[in-house]
Amino acid sequence: MSVAVIIAVAVSTNGGREILGMRVGPSEAEPFWTDFLRSLMRRGLRGVRLVISDAHEGLKAAAAKVFHATWQRCRVHFMRNAMAHVGKG
């Protein structure tokens, strides 16, 4: 059975990282992400200004809806996608 496992990691203004939550679900669709992000808010997460991730449309839409935050493409995922179109030489 194929499932999605998502992990939210926060980076504070001083550069410290903290795992905020983890969830297993049927897919990475917007309803799944929205529920997960709202659960983080119920646990006290506030002040999210920037969400950095791969380009899953469901996450982008949920982050805008729940946090009203800016979204940025993850550099690692961007480079992987770009390198898939470039020859090895």
N, C-alpha and C. Protein backbone atom coordinates (compact mmCIF):
# COMPACT_ATOMS: atom_id res chain seq x y z
N MET A 1 0.84 -1.18 0.00
CA MET A 1 0.00 0.00 0.00
C MET A 1 0.89 1.24 0.00
N SER A 2 0.59 2.14 -0.89
CA SER A 2 1.34 3.38 -0.98
C SER A 2 0.70 4.45 -0.09
N VAL A 3 1.51 5.08 0.76
CA VAL A 3 1.03 6.15 1.63
C VAL A 3 2.04 7.29 1.63
N ALA A 4 1.59 8.43 2.11
CA ALA A 4 2.47 9.58 2.25
C ALA A 4 2.87 9.72 3.72
N VAL A 5 4.13 9.97 3.96
CA VAL A 5 4.63 10.27 5.31
C VAL A 5 5.20 11.67 5.24
N ILE A 6 4.64 12.58 6.02
CA ILE A 6 5.10 13.96 5.99
C ILE A 6 5.67 14.34 7.35
N ILE A 7 6.69 15.16 7.32
CA ILE A 7 7.35 15.65 8.54
C ILE A 7 7.50 17.15 8.40
N ALA A 8 7.06 17.88 9.41
CA ALA A 8 7.21 19.34 9.42
C ALA A 8 8.40 19.69 10.30
N VAL A 9 9.34 20.44 9.73
CA VAL A 9 10.53 20.89 10.45
C VAL A 9 10.53 22.41 10.44
N ALA A 10 10.74 23.00 11.59
CA ALA A 10 10.79 24.46 11.69
C ALA A 10 12.23 24.91 11.89
N VAL A 11 12.52 26.09 11.37
CA VAL A 11 13.81 26.73 11.60
C VAL A 11 13.53 28.06 12.26
N SER A 12 14.11 28.26 13.43
CA SER A 12 13.87 29.50 14.16
C SER A 12 14.75 30.62 13.61
N THR A 13 14.54 31.82 14.09
CA THR A 13 15.31 32.97 13.60
C THR A 13 16.79 32.84 13.94
N ASN A 14 17.14 32.03 14.94
CA ASN A 14 18.57 31.85 15.27
C ASN A 14 19.16 30.61 14.59
N GLY A 15 18.38 29.96 13.70
CA GLY A 15 18.89 28.85 12.92
C GLY A 15 18.66 27.48 13.53
N GLY A 16 18.07 27.41 14.71
CA GLY A 16 17.80 26.12 15.33
C GLY A 16 16.66 25.40 14.61
N ARG A 17 16.75 24.08 14.52
CA ARG A 17 15.73 23.28 13.85
C ARG A 17 14.99 22.42 14.86
N GLU A 18 13.70 22.24 14.61
CA GLU A 18 12.88 21.45 15.51
C GLU A 18 11.81 20.71 14.70
N ILE A 19 11.62 19.43 14.97
CA ILE A 19 10.56 18.68 14.32
C ILE A 19 9.25 19.04 15.00
N LEU A 20 8.30 19.52 14.21
CA LEU A 20 7.02 19.97 14.75
C LEU A 20 5.96 18.88 14.74
N GLY A 21 6.03 17.98 13.77
CA GLY A 21 5.02 16.94 13.68
C GLY A 21 5.28 16.01 12.54
N MET A 22 4.56 14.88 12.57
CA MET A 22 4.67 13.87 11.54
C MET A 22 3.29 13.24 11.37
N ARG A 23 2.97 12.87 10.15
CA ARG A 23 1.67 12.25 9.89
C ARG A 23 1.79 11.30 8.70
N VAL A 24 1.02 10.23 8.75
CA VAL A 24 0.93 9.26 7.66
C VAL A 24 -0.48 9.36 7.10
N GLY A 25 -0.60 9.44 5.78
CA GLY A 25 -1.92 9.56 5.16
C GLY A 25 -1.96 8.94 3.79
N PRO A 26 -3.13 8.94 3.19
CA PRO A 26 -3.31 8.26 1.90
C PRO A 26 -2.65 8.95 0.72
N SER A 27 -2.44 10.27 0.80
CA SER A 27 -1.83 11.00 -0.31
C SER A 27 -1.38 12.37 0.20
N GLU A 28 -0.76 13.12 -0.70
CA GLU A 28 -0.33 14.47 -0.34
C GLU A 28 -1.28 15.51 -0.94
N ALA A 29 -2.54 15.19 -0.98
CA ALA A 29 -3.55 16.11 -1.51
C ALA A 29 -3.80 17.25 -0.51
N GLU A 30 -4.40 18.33 -1.02
CA GLU A 30 -4.65 19.51 -0.20
C GLU A 30 -5.43 19.22 1.10
N PRO A 31 -6.49 18.42 1.09
CA PRO A 31 -7.20 18.17 2.36
C PRO A 31 -6.31 17.54 3.44
N PHE A 32 -5.44 16.63 3.04
CA PHE A 32 -4.51 16.00 3.98
C PHE A 32 -3.56 17.04 4.57
N TRP A 33 -2.96 17.87 3.70
CA TRP A 33 -2.06 18.91 4.17
C TRP A 33 -2.78 19.93 5.05
N THR A 34 -3.96 20.34 4.64
CA THR A 34 -4.73 21.33 5.41
C THR A 34 -4.99 20.82 6.82
N ASP A 35 -5.43 19.56 6.93
CA ASP A 35 -5.69 18.97 8.24
C ASP A 35 -4.42 18.92 9.08
N PHE A 36 -3.30 18.52 8.47
CA PHE A 36 -2.03 18.45 9.19
C PHE A 36 -1.58 19.83 9.68
N LEU A 37 -1.62 20.82 8.81
CA LEU A 37 -1.19 22.17 9.21
C LEU A 37 -2.09 22.76 10.29
N ARG A 38 -3.39 22.51 10.18
CA ARG A 38 -4.31 22.98 11.23
C ARG A 38 -4.03 22.28 12.55
N SER A 39 -3.64 21.02 12.51
CA SER A 39 -3.30 20.31 13.75
C SER A 39 -2.08 20.94 14.42
N LEU A 40 -1.13 21.40 13.61
CA LEU A 40 0.04 22.09 14.17
C LEU A 40 -0.37 23.40 14.82
N MET A 41 -1.30 24.10 14.20
CA MET A 41 -1.78 25.36 14.78
C MET A 41 -2.53 25.10 16.09
N ARG A 42 -3.32 24.03 16.14
CA ARG A 42 -4.03 23.69 17.38
C ARG A 42 -3.05 23.39 18.51
N ARG A 43 -1.88 22.89 18.16
CA ARG A 43 -0.85 22.61 19.15
C ARG A 43 -0.02 23.83 19.50
N GLY A 44 -0.33 24.99 18.89
CA GLY A 44 0.32 26.23 19.27
C GLY A 44 1.26 26.86 18.27
N LEU A 45 1.40 26.29 17.09
CA LEU A 45 2.28 26.87 16.08
C LEU A 45 1.72 28.21 15.62
N ARG A 46 2.53 29.24 15.69
CA ARG A 46 2.12 30.59 15.27
C ARG A 46 3.30 31.27 14.56
N GLY A 47 3.00 32.30 13.81
CA GLY A 47 4.03 33.13 13.22
C GLY A 47 4.75 32.54 12.02
N VAL A 48 4.13 31.60 11.32
CA VAL A 48 4.76 31.02 10.13
C VAL A 48 4.74 32.07 9.03
N ARG A 49 5.91 32.39 8.51
CA ARG A 49 6.03 33.41 7.47
C ARG A 49 6.42 32.82 6.13
N LEU A 50 7.13 31.71 6.16
CA LEU A 50 7.67 31.12 4.93
C LEU A 50 7.56 29.61 5.01
N VAL A 51 7.04 29.00 3.96
CA VAL A 51 6.99 27.54 3.84
C VAL A 51 7.88 27.16 2.68
N ILE A 52 8.86 26.30 2.94
CA ILE A 52 9.78 25.83 1.90
C ILE A 52 9.53 24.35 1.70
N SER A 53 9.27 23.97 0.45
CA SER A 53 8.95 22.57 0.17
C SER A 53 9.18 22.27 -1.29
N ASP A 54 8.92 21.00 -1.64
CA ASP A 54 8.87 20.66 -3.06
C ASP A 54 7.58 21.25 -3.61
N ALA A 55 7.34 21.05 -4.88
CA ALA A 55 6.25 21.79 -5.54
C ALA A 55 4.91 21.06 -5.52
N HIS A 56 4.58 20.40 -4.43
CA HIS A 56 3.26 19.76 -4.33
C HIS A 56 2.19 20.83 -4.25
N GLU A 57 1.28 20.80 -5.20
CA GLU A 57 0.23 21.82 -5.26
C GLU A 57 -0.65 21.78 -4.01
N GLY A 58 -0.88 20.58 -3.47
CA GLY A 58 -1.71 20.46 -2.27
C GLY A 58 -1.10 21.18 -1.08
N LEU A 59 0.20 21.04 -0.90
CA LEU A 59 0.87 21.72 0.21
C LEU A 59 0.88 23.22 -0.01
N LYS A 60 1.16 23.65 -1.23
CA LYS A 60 1.18 25.09 -1.51
C LYS A 60 -0.17 25.72 -1.20
N ALA A 61 -1.24 25.08 -1.62
CA ALA A 61 -2.59 25.62 -1.38
C ALA A 61 -2.93 25.60 0.10
N ALA A 62 -2.59 24.52 0.79
CA ALA A 62 -2.90 24.42 2.23
C ALA A 62 -2.11 25.45 3.03
N ALA A 63 -0.84 25.66 2.70
CA ALA A 63 -0.03 26.64 3.43
C ALA A 63 -0.58 28.05 3.25
N ALA A 64 -1.01 28.37 2.05
CA ALA A 64 -1.60 29.69 1.81
C ALA A 64 -2.90 29.84 2.59
N LYS A 65 -3.70 28.79 2.62
CA LYS A 65 -4.99 28.85 3.29
C LYS A 65 -4.84 28.91 4.81
N VAL A 66 -3.98 28.09 5.37
CA VAL A 66 -3.87 27.96 6.82
C VAL A 66 -2.97 29.04 7.43
N PHE A 67 -1.81 29.26 6.85
CA PHE A 67 -0.82 30.18 7.44
C PHE A 67 -0.81 31.56 6.80
N HIS A 68 -1.35 31.70 5.60
CA HIS A 68 -1.23 32.94 4.83
C HIS A 68 0.25 33.30 4.68
N ALA A 69 1.07 32.27 4.44
CA ALA A 69 2.52 32.42 4.37
C ALA A 69 2.99 32.39 2.92
N THR A 70 4.16 32.92 2.71
CA THR A 70 4.82 32.86 1.42
C THR A 70 5.38 31.46 1.22
N TRP A 71 5.39 31.00 -0.03
CA TRP A 71 5.93 29.69 -0.35
C TRP A 71 7.18 29.85 -1.20
N GLN A 72 8.17 28.97 -0.96
CA GLN A 72 9.41 28.97 -1.75
C GLN A 72 9.75 27.54 -2.11
N ARG A 73 10.21 27.32 -3.31
CA ARG A 73 10.62 26.00 -3.79
C ARG A 73 11.90 25.57 -3.10
N CYS A 74 11.94 24.35 -2.61
CA CYS A 74 13.13 23.77 -2.01
C CYS A 74 14.25 23.70 -3.05
N ARG A 75 15.43 24.17 -2.71
CA ARG A 75 16.54 24.18 -3.66
C ARG A 75 16.97 22.78 -4.06
N VAL A 76 16.93 21.84 -3.13
CA VAL A 76 17.33 20.46 -3.44
C VAL A 76 16.38 19.86 -4.46
N HIS A 77 15.07 20.01 -4.24
CA HIS A 77 14.11 19.47 -5.21
C HIS A 77 14.21 20.18 -6.56
N PHE A 78 14.44 21.47 -6.54
CA PHE A 78 14.61 22.22 -7.78
C PHE A 78 15.80 21.68 -8.58
N MET A 79 16.93 21.47 -7.89
CA MET A 79 18.13 20.98 -8.58
C MET A 79 17.94 19.56 -9.09
N ARG A 80 17.27 18.71 -8.31
CA ARG A 80 17.00 17.34 -8.79
C ARG A 80 16.17 17.38 -10.06
N ASN A 81 15.13 18.19 -10.06
CA ASN A 81 14.28 18.28 -11.23
C ASN A 81 15.04 18.85 -12.42
N ALA A 82 15.86 19.86 -12.20
CA ALA A 82 16.63 20.45 -13.28
C ALA A 82 17.66 19.47 -13.83
N MET A 83 18.33 18.75 -12.94
CA MET A 83 19.38 17.81 -13.38
C MET A 83 18.81 16.62 -14.14
N ALA A 84 17.54 16.33 -13.97
CA ALA A 84 16.90 15.25 -14.71
C ALA A 84 16.82 15.57 -16.20
N HIS A 85 16.97 16.84 -16.56
CA HIS A 85 16.88 17.28 -17.95
C HIS A 85 18.25 17.61 -18.55
N VAL A 86 19.30 17.34 -17.80
CA VAL A 86 20.65 17.68 -18.25
C VAL A 86 21.44 16.37 -18.42
N GLY A 87 22.22 16.29 -19.47
CA GLY A 87 23.05 15.12 -19.68
C GLY A 87 24.12 14.98 -18.60
N LYS A 88 24.59 13.76 -18.40
CA LYS A 88 25.59 13.52 -17.34
C LYS A 88 26.94 14.18 -17.65
N GLY A 89 27.22 14.39 -18.91
CA GLY A 89 28.50 14.99 -19.30
C GLY A 89 28.45 16.47 -19.15
